[in-house]
C-alpha atoms as a PDB file:
ATOM      1  CA  MET A   1       0.000   0.000   0.000  1.00  0.00           C
ATOM      2  CA  ASP A   2       0.971   3.591  -0.441  1.00  0.00           C
ATOM      3  CA  VAL A   3      -0.181   6.194   2.058  1.00  0.00           C
ATOM      4  CA  ARG A   4      -1.670   8.347  -0.667  1.00  0.00           C
ATOM      5  CA  MET A   5      -3.613   6.460  -3.318  1.00  0.00           C
ATOM      6  CA  PRO A   6      -6.507   7.551  -5.506  1.00  0.00           C
ATOM      7  CA  GLY A   7      -9.877   6.963  -3.913  1.00  0.00           C
ATOM      8  CA  THR A   8      -9.137   5.258  -0.608  1.00  0.00           C
ATOM      9  CA  ASP A   9      -5.762   6.001   0.942  1.00  0.00           C
ATOM     10  CA  GLY A  10      -3.523   3.139   2.058  1.00  0.00           C
ATOM     11  CA  ILE A  11      -4.153   3.661   5.746  1.00  0.00           C
ATOM     12  CA  GLU A  12      -7.918   3.489   5.346  1.00  0.00           C
ATOM     13  CA  ALA A  13      -7.578   0.502   3.007  1.00  0.00           C
ATOM     14  CA  THR A  14      -5.406  -1.218   5.640  1.00  0.00           C
ATOM     15  CA  ARG A  15      -8.005  -0.483   8.316  1.00  0.00           C
ATOM     16  CA  ARG A  16     -10.789  -1.917   6.138  1.00  0.00           C
ATOM     17  CA  ILE A  17      -8.837  -5.078   5.333  1.00  0.00           C
ATOM     18  CA  ARG A  18      -8.087  -5.632   9.017  1.00  0.00           C
ATOM     19  CA  ALA A  19     -11.780  -5.177   9.856  1.00  0.00           C
ATOM     20  CA  MET A  20     -12.860  -7.902   7.422  1.00  0.00           C
ATOM     21  CA  SER A  21     -13.799 -11.164   9.080  1.00  0.00           C
ATOM     22  CA  GLY A  22     -10.854 -13.569   8.924  1.00  0.00           C
ATOM     23  CA  ALA A  23      -8.676 -11.179   6.937  1.00  0.00           C
ATOM     24  CA  ALA A  24      -6.767  -9.878   9.951  1.00  0.00           C
ATOM     25  CA  SER A  25      -5.169 -13.239  10.606  1.00  0.00           C
ATOM     26  CA  VAL A  26      -4.133 -14.031   7.018  1.00  0.00           C
ATOM     27  CA  SER A  27      -3.424 -10.709   5.320  1.00  0.00           C
ATOM     28  CA  ARG A  28      -0.047  -9.020   5.469  1.00  0.00           C
ATOM     29  CA  ILE A  29       0.230  -5.328   4.686  1.00  0.00           C
ATOM     30  CA  LEU A  30       3.387  -3.370   3.927  1.00  0.00           C
ATOM     31  CA  ILE A  31       3.145   0.385   3.489  1.00  0.00           C
ATOM     32  CA  LEU A  32       5.632   1.661   0.891  1.00  0.00           C
ATOM     33  CA  THR A  33       5.616   5.423   0.541  1.00  0.00           C
ATOM     34  CA  THR A  34       7.668   8.556  -0.027  1.00  0.00           C
ATOM     35  CA  PHE A  35       6.038  10.261   2.949  1.00  0.00           C
ATOM     36  CA  ASP A  36       8.361   9.947   5.943  1.00  0.00           C
ATOM     37  CA  LEU A  37       5.988  11.566   8.416  1.00  0.00           C
ATOM     38  CA  ASP A  38       5.391  10.311  11.944  1.00  0.00           C
ATOM     39  CA  GLU A  39       1.641  10.847  11.651  1.00  0.00           C
ATOM     40  CA  TYR A  40       1.533   8.420   8.697  1.00  0.00           C
ATOM     41  CA  VAL A  41       3.729   5.863  10.439  1.00  0.00           C
ATOM     42  CA  TYR A  42       1.611   5.854  13.610  1.00  0.00           C
ATOM     43  CA  ALA A  43      -1.663   5.798  11.671  1.00  0.00           C
ATOM     44  CA  ALA A  44      -0.478   2.928   9.460  1.00  0.00           C
ATOM     45  CA  LEU A  45       0.680   0.806  12.395  1.00  0.00           C
ATOM     46  CA  ARG A  46      -2.490   1.555  14.367  1.00  0.00           C
ATOM     47  CA  ALA A  47      -4.545   0.570  11.319  1.00  0.00           C
ATOM     48  CA  GLY A  48      -2.792  -2.806  11.340  1.00  0.00           C
ATOM     49  CA  ALA A  49       0.042  -2.512   8.826  1.00  0.00           C
ATOM     50  CA  ASN A  50       2.793  -5.076   9.337  1.00  0.00           C
ATOM     51  CA  GLY A  51       5.456  -2.761   8.016  1.00  0.00           C
ATOM     52  CA  PHE A  52       6.336   0.727   6.881  1.00  0.00           C
ATOM     53  CA  LEU A  53       9.099   1.388   4.367  1.00  0.00           C
ATOM     54  CA  LEU A  54      10.157   4.372   2.346  1.00  0.00           C
ATOM     55  CA  LYS A  55      10.386   4.216  -1.427  1.00  0.00           C
ATOM     56  CA  ASP A  56      14.082   5.081  -1.297  1.00  0.00           C
ATOM     57  CA  ALA A  57      14.786   1.655   0.254  1.00  0.00           C
ATOM     58  CA  LEU A  58      17.309  -0.457  -1.596  1.00  0.00           C
ATOM     59  CA  ALA A  59      15.845  -3.235  -3.747  1.00  0.00           C
ATOM     60  CA  ALA A  60      17.414  -5.886  -1.507  1.00  0.00           C
ATOM     61  CA  ASP A  61      15.908  -4.254   1.592  1.00  0.00           C
ATOM     62  CA  LEU A  62      12.492  -4.099  -0.054  1.00  0.00           C
ATOM     63  CA  MET A  63      12.667  -7.775  -1.019  1.00  0.00           C
ATOM     64  CA  ALA A  64      13.739  -8.699   2.518  1.00  0.00           C
ATOM     65  CA  ALA A  65      10.891  -6.619   3.956  1.00  0.00           C
ATOM     66  CA  VAL A  66       8.321  -8.347   1.752  1.00  0.00           C
ATOM     67  CA  ARG A  67       9.639 -11.747   2.863  1.00  0.00           C
ATOM     68  CA  THR A  68       9.647 -10.661   6.511  1.00  0.00           C
ATOM     69  CA  VAL A  69       6.085  -9.365   6.376  1.00  0.00           C
ATOM     70  CA  ALA A  70       4.927 -12.435   4.425  1.00  0.00           C
ATOM     71  CA  ALA A  71       6.375 -14.582   7.239  1.00  0.00           C
ATOM     72  CA  GLY A  72       4.187 -12.735   9.733  1.00  0.00           C
ATOM     73  CA  GLU A  73       6.841 -10.495  11.226  1.00  0.00           C
ATOM     74  CA  ALA A  74       6.906  -6.698  11.275  1.00  0.00           C
ATOM     75  CA  VAL A  75       9.387  -4.382   9.627  1.00  0.00           C
ATOM     76  CA  THR A  76       9.998  -0.646   9.550  1.00  0.00           C
ATOM     77  CA  ALA A  77      12.556   1.553   7.863  1.00  0.00           C
ATOM     78  CA  PRO A  78      15.550   2.133  10.172  1.00  0.00           C
ATOM     79  CA  SER A  79      14.810   5.868  10.466  1.00  0.00           C
ATOM     80  CA  VAL A  80      11.204   5.065  11.333  1.00  0.00           C
ATOM     81  CA  THR A  81      12.271   2.496  13.941  1.00  0.00           C
ATOM     82  CA  ARG A  82      14.511   5.050  15.664  1.00  0.00           C
ATOM     83  CA  ARG A  83      11.695   7.605  15.806  1.00  0.00           C
ATOM     84  CA  LEU A  84       9.151   5.041  16.992  1.00  0.00           C
ATOM     85  CA  ILE A  85      11.390   3.960  19.818  1.00  0.00           C
ATOM     86  CA  ALA A  86      12.170   7.551  20.791  1.00  0.00           C
ATOM     87  CA  HIS A  87       8.460   8.382  20.763  1.00  0.00           C
ATOM     88  CA  PHE A  88       7.436   5.447  22.904  1.00  0.00           C
ATOM     89  CA  VAL A  89      10.356   5.779  25.296  1.00  0.00           C
ATOM     90  CA  ARG A  90       9.127   9.289  26.128  1.00  0.00           C
ATOM     91  CA  ARG A  91       5.688   7.917  27.040  1.00  0.00           C
ATOM     92  CA  PRO A  92       4.940   6.885  30.623  1.00  0.00           C
ATOM     93  CA  GLN A  93       6.436   3.505  31.304  1.00  0.00           C
ATOM     94  CA  HIS A  94       4.322   0.417  31.714  1.00  0.00           C
ATOM     95  CA  SER A  95       4.814  -1.330  34.965  1.00  0.00           C
ATOM     96  CA  ALA A  96       7.132  -4.296  34.794  1.00  0.00           C
ATOM     97  CA  ASP A  97       4.296  -6.096  36.616  1.00  0.00           C
ATOM     98  CA  ARG A  98       2.679  -6.530  33.201  1.00  0.00           C
ATOM     99  CA  LEU A  99       5.488  -8.986  32.439  1.00  0.00           C
ATOM    100  CA  ALA A 100       4.589 -11.183  35.416  1.00  0.00           C
ATOM    101  CA  VAL A 101       2.550 -13.453  33.112  1.00  0.00           C
ATOM    102  CA  LEU A 102       5.734 -14.447  31.261  1.00  0.00           C
ATOM    103  CA  THR A 103       7.971 -17.356  32.169  1.00  0.00           C
ATOM    104  CA  ALA A 104      11.610 -16.556  32.878  1.00  0.00           C
ATOM    105  CA  ARG A 105      12.568 -17.820  29.405  1.00  0.00           C
ATOM    106  CA  GLU A 106       9.858 -15.744  27.701  1.00  0.00           C
ATOM    107  CA  ARG A 107      11.072 -12.657  29.537  1.00  0.00           C
ATOM    108  CA  GLU A 108      14.609 -13.439  28.376  1.00  0.00           C
ATOM    109  CA  VAL A 109      13.382 -13.770  24.778  1.00  0.00           C
ATOM    110  CA  LEU A 110      11.440 -10.497  25.075  1.00  0.00           C
ATOM    111  CA  THR A 111      14.582  -8.747  26.297  1.00  0.00           C
ATOM    112  CA  LEU A 112      16.537 -10.056  23.304  1.00  0.00           C
ATOM    113  CA  ILE A 113      13.757  -8.963  20.928  1.00  0.00           C
ATOM    114  CA  ALA A 114      13.839  -5.495  22.485  1.00  0.00           C
ATOM    115  CA  GLN A 115      17.604  -5.419  21.901  1.00  0.00           C
ATOM    116  CA  GLY A 116      16.896  -5.908  18.198  1.00  0.00           C
ATOM    117  CA  ARG A 117      18.012  -9.526  17.906  1.00  0.00           C
ATOM    118  CA  SER A 118      16.699 -11.696  15.078  1.00  0.00           C
ATOM    119  CA  ASN A 119      15.165 -15.113  15.718  1.00  0.00           C
ATOM    120  CA  ALA A 120      18.376 -16.771  14.529  1.00  0.00           C
ATOM    121  CA  GLU A 121      20.486 -14.639  16.887  1.00  0.00           C
ATOM    122  CA  ILE A 122      18.175 -15.419  19.799  1.00  0.00           C
ATOM    123  CA  ALA A 123      18.327 -19.134  18.989  1.00  0.00           C
ATOM    124  CA  ASP A 124      22.142 -19.046  18.912  1.00  0.00           C
ATOM    125  CA  GLU A 125      22.403 -17.121  22.162  1.00  0.00           C
ATOM    126  CA  LEU A 126      19.941 -19.328  24.050  1.00  0.00           C
ATOM    127  CA  HIS A 127      21.126 -22.571  22.415  1.00  0.00           C
ATOM    128  CA  VAL A 128      17.639 -23.481  21.188  1.00  0.00           C
ATOM    129  CA  SER A 129      16.099 -24.065  17.768  1.00  0.00           C
ATOM    130  CA  GLY A 130      14.547 -21.359  15.630  1.00  0.00           C
ATOM    131  CA  SER A 131      11.144 -22.999  16.004  1.00  0.00           C
ATOM    132  CA  THR A 132      11.492 -22.856  19.794  1.00  0.00           C
ATOM    133  CA  VAL A 133      12.206 -19.120  19.542  1.00  0.00           C
ATOM    134  CA  SER A 134       9.155 -18.692  17.294  1.00  0.00           C
ATOM    135  CA  THR A 135       7.034 -20.552  19.835  1.00  0.00           C
ATOM    136  CA  HIS A 136       8.259 -18.304  22.650  1.00  0.00           C
ATOM    137  CA  ILE A 137       7.556 -15.195  20.583  1.00  0.00           C
ATOM    138  CA  GLY A 138       4.051 -16.389  19.779  1.00  0.00           C
ATOM    139  CA  ARG A 139       3.353 -16.994  23.451  1.00  0.00           C
ATOM    140  CA  ILE A 140       4.809 -13.597  24.421  1.00  0.00           C
ATOM    141  CA  LEU A 141       2.621 -11.815  21.876  1.00  0.00           C
ATOM    142  CA  ALA A 142      -0.476 -13.717  23.030  1.00  0.00           C
ATOM    143  CA  LYS A 143       0.127 -13.299  26.754  1.00  0.00           C
ATOM    144  CA  LEU A 144       0.873  -9.587  26.467  1.00  0.00           C
ATOM    145  CA  ASP A 145      -1.802  -8.955  23.810  1.00  0.00           C
ATOM    146  CA  LEU A 146       0.742  -7.547  21.367  1.00  0.00           C
ATOM    147  CA  ARG A 147       0.158  -7.459  17.614  1.00  0.00           C
ATOM    148  CA  ASP A 148       3.712  -8.008  16.428  1.00  0.00           C
ATOM    149  CA  ARG A 149       7.428  -7.822  17.105  1.00  0.00           C
ATOM    150  CA  VAL A 150       7.531  -4.007  16.810  1.00  0.00           C
ATOM    151  CA  HIS A 151       5.047  -3.713  19.645  1.00  0.00           C
ATOM    152  CA  ALA A 152       7.111  -6.188  21.677  1.00  0.00           C
ATOM    153  CA  VAL A 153      10.182  -3.972  21.225  1.00  0.00           C
ATOM    154  CA  ILE A 154       8.224  -0.919  22.326  1.00  0.00           C
ATOM    155  CA  LEU A 155       6.888  -2.720  25.401  1.00  0.00           C
ATOM    156  CA  GLY A 156      10.399  -3.934  26.224  1.00  0.00           C
ATOM    157  CA  TYR A 157      11.615  -0.342  26.237  1.00  0.00           C
ATOM    158  CA  GLU A 158       8.608   0.882  28.213  1.00  0.00           C
ATOM    159  CA  CYS A 159       9.086  -1.796  30.863  1.00  0.00           C
ATOM    160  CA  GLY A 160      12.781  -1.017  31.207  1.00  0.00           C
ATOM    161  CA  LEU A 161      14.123  -4.297  29.787  1.00  0.00           C
ATOM    162  CA  VAL A 162      16.614  -2.292  27.718  1.00  0.00           C
ATOM    163  CA  ASP A 163      17.963   1.240  27.885  1.00  0.00           C
END
């Protein structure tokens, strides 16, 4: 999707797709735009986009982003990620008590996610398989009612898991 499209803009189209019965769990939406504005980023992610990239992204980065989003993960342009983190770090922190529902291992995985580690890096560090990491991430997202990895990173920062 692009933010600005004829007729229905990409953010509204994303919102409508997410509202469709069953579509939220199977559709993957990547916003690709020239508009590097925080208001568009926040609106797109709130609407349910799985990613937000700028059109000046390298072809290899775009291909990797499409694969990442297709696999059910989230992706944002590096400049967008920095601004998102800065924005959410300034917000009042969530209590670390929210993390009480996690097992010690899930909390460890959440901390590594918040540090920006990939699934493969987490698997190597914890000496577990990639599928085990994926299972932990799925449980973390479900227990904490998070939509995707980006929201897990934000929560990790808000709860003080990383500086």
